[in-house]
N, C-alpha and C. Protein backbone atom coordinates (compact mmCIF):
# COMPACT_ATOMS: atom_id res chain seq x y z
N MET A 1 42.41 -10.42 0.39
CA MET A 1 42.21 -9.11 0.97
C MET A 1 40.76 -8.70 0.72
N SER A 2 40.02 -8.46 1.79
CA SER A 2 38.62 -8.11 1.63
C SER A 2 38.42 -6.65 1.99
N THR A 3 37.57 -6.03 1.26
CA THR A 3 37.25 -4.63 1.49
C THR A 3 35.78 -4.52 1.82
N GLN A 4 35.47 -3.87 2.92
CA GLN A 4 34.08 -3.67 3.29
C GLN A 4 33.64 -2.31 2.78
N ASN A 5 32.51 -2.32 2.13
CA ASN A 5 31.95 -1.10 1.60
C ASN A 5 30.68 -0.81 2.38
N ASN A 6 30.75 0.10 3.33
CA ASN A 6 29.61 0.42 4.16
C ASN A 6 28.88 1.63 3.61
N ASN A 7 27.97 1.37 2.69
CA ASN A 7 27.14 2.43 2.15
C ASN A 7 25.82 2.42 2.90
N THR A 8 25.64 3.39 3.75
CA THR A 8 24.38 3.48 4.47
C THR A 8 23.50 4.50 3.77
N ARG A 9 22.24 4.15 3.66
CA ARG A 9 21.30 5.04 2.99
C ARG A 9 20.42 5.68 4.05
N ASN A 10 20.30 6.98 3.98
CA ASN A 10 19.44 7.70 4.88
C ASN A 10 18.13 7.99 4.16
N ILE A 11 17.05 7.40 4.67
CA ILE A 11 15.74 7.59 4.08
C ILE A 11 14.98 8.59 4.95
N ASP A 12 14.38 9.56 4.29
CA ASP A 12 13.65 10.59 5.01
C ASP A 12 12.45 9.97 5.73
N PRO A 13 12.21 10.36 6.97
CA PRO A 13 11.04 9.83 7.70
C PRO A 13 9.73 10.20 7.03
N GLU A 14 9.69 11.34 6.33
CA GLU A 14 8.46 11.74 5.65
C GLU A 14 8.12 10.76 4.53
N LYS A 15 9.14 10.26 3.84
CA LYS A 15 8.90 9.31 2.76
C LYS A 15 8.41 7.98 3.32
N VAL A 16 8.95 7.57 4.43
CA VAL A 16 8.51 6.33 5.06
C VAL A 16 7.06 6.45 5.48
N THR A 17 6.70 7.59 6.06
CA THR A 17 5.32 7.81 6.48
C THR A 17 4.39 7.86 5.28
N ALA A 18 4.80 8.52 4.22
CA ALA A 18 3.97 8.61 3.02
C ALA A 18 3.74 7.23 2.40
N GLU A 19 4.76 6.42 2.33
CA GLU A 19 4.62 5.09 1.76
C GLU A 19 3.74 4.20 2.65
N ARG A 20 3.87 4.35 3.95
CA ARG A 20 3.04 3.57 4.87
C ARG A 20 1.57 3.96 4.72
N LEU A 21 1.29 5.26 4.62
CA LEU A 21 -0.09 5.71 4.42
C LEU A 21 -0.64 5.24 3.08
N ASN A 22 0.20 5.24 2.07
CA ASN A 22 -0.21 4.75 0.76
C ASN A 22 -0.56 3.26 0.83
N GLY A 23 0.21 2.51 1.56
CA GLY A 23 -0.08 1.09 1.74
C GLY A 23 -1.38 0.86 2.48
N TYR A 24 -1.62 1.66 3.54
CA TYR A 24 -2.87 1.53 4.28
C TYR A 24 -4.06 1.87 3.40
N ALA A 25 -3.94 2.90 2.57
CA ALA A 25 -5.03 3.27 1.67
C ALA A 25 -5.29 2.16 0.65
N ALA A 26 -4.25 1.55 0.14
CA ALA A 26 -4.42 0.46 -0.82
C ALA A 26 -5.09 -0.75 -0.17
N LEU A 27 -4.68 -1.07 1.05
CA LEU A 27 -5.32 -2.19 1.75
C LEU A 27 -6.78 -1.89 2.03
N PHE A 28 -7.08 -0.66 2.43
CA PHE A 28 -8.46 -0.27 2.69
C PHE A 28 -9.29 -0.38 1.41
N GLY A 29 -8.73 0.03 0.29
CA GLY A 29 -9.43 -0.09 -0.98
C GLY A 29 -9.70 -1.53 -1.36
N CYS A 30 -8.74 -2.40 -1.13
CA CYS A 30 -8.95 -3.82 -1.44
C CYS A 30 -10.02 -4.43 -0.54
N ILE A 31 -10.01 -4.07 0.73
CA ILE A 31 -11.02 -4.58 1.65
C ILE A 31 -12.39 -4.04 1.27
N ALA A 32 -12.48 -2.77 0.88
CA ALA A 32 -13.75 -2.20 0.44
C ALA A 32 -14.24 -2.89 -0.83
N LEU A 33 -13.34 -3.22 -1.74
CA LEU A 33 -13.70 -3.93 -2.96
C LEU A 33 -14.28 -5.30 -2.64
N VAL A 34 -13.64 -6.04 -1.77
CA VAL A 34 -14.13 -7.36 -1.39
C VAL A 34 -15.46 -7.25 -0.67
N GLY A 35 -15.60 -6.25 0.20
CA GLY A 35 -16.86 -6.06 0.92
C GLY A 35 -17.99 -5.70 -0.02
N ALA A 36 -17.74 -4.82 -0.98
CA ALA A 36 -18.77 -4.44 -1.94
C ALA A 36 -19.18 -5.63 -2.80
N TYR A 37 -18.21 -6.43 -3.20
CA TYR A 37 -18.51 -7.59 -4.02
C TYR A 37 -19.28 -8.64 -3.22
N ALA A 38 -18.94 -8.81 -1.95
CA ALA A 38 -19.61 -9.80 -1.11
C ALA A 38 -21.05 -9.40 -0.82
N THR A 39 -21.32 -8.11 -0.67
CA THR A 39 -22.67 -7.69 -0.31
C THR A 39 -23.56 -7.48 -1.53
N THR A 40 -23.02 -7.01 -2.66
CA THR A 40 -23.87 -6.69 -3.81
C THR A 40 -23.66 -7.64 -4.99
N GLY A 41 -22.54 -8.32 -5.06
CA GLY A 41 -22.25 -9.17 -6.20
C GLY A 41 -21.70 -8.41 -7.39
N GLN A 42 -21.46 -7.11 -7.20
CA GLN A 42 -20.90 -6.30 -8.27
C GLN A 42 -19.58 -5.69 -7.78
N ILE A 43 -18.65 -5.54 -8.68
CA ILE A 43 -17.38 -4.95 -8.29
C ILE A 43 -17.55 -3.46 -8.01
N ILE A 44 -18.29 -2.78 -8.89
CA ILE A 44 -18.60 -1.36 -8.66
C ILE A 44 -20.12 -1.25 -8.56
N PRO A 45 -20.67 -1.19 -7.36
CA PRO A 45 -22.13 -1.15 -7.21
C PRO A 45 -22.74 0.06 -7.93
N GLY A 46 -23.82 -0.20 -8.66
CA GLY A 46 -24.51 0.85 -9.37
C GLY A 46 -23.99 1.11 -10.77
N PHE A 47 -22.87 0.51 -11.12
CA PHE A 47 -22.27 0.70 -12.44
C PHE A 47 -22.49 -0.57 -13.24
N VAL A 48 -23.10 -0.45 -14.38
CA VAL A 48 -23.42 -1.64 -15.16
C VAL A 48 -22.22 -2.13 -15.93
């Protein structure tokens, strides 16, 4: 005898949007880090 447990989770669209924007910001930061390192050779330009 099998019992199906259909627990559906409702995720707020605002949370999905916030997490997506957070991911985009993190990716942009990583790309900026690689670009700064490629052009100057320093991880934080101007900081010793």
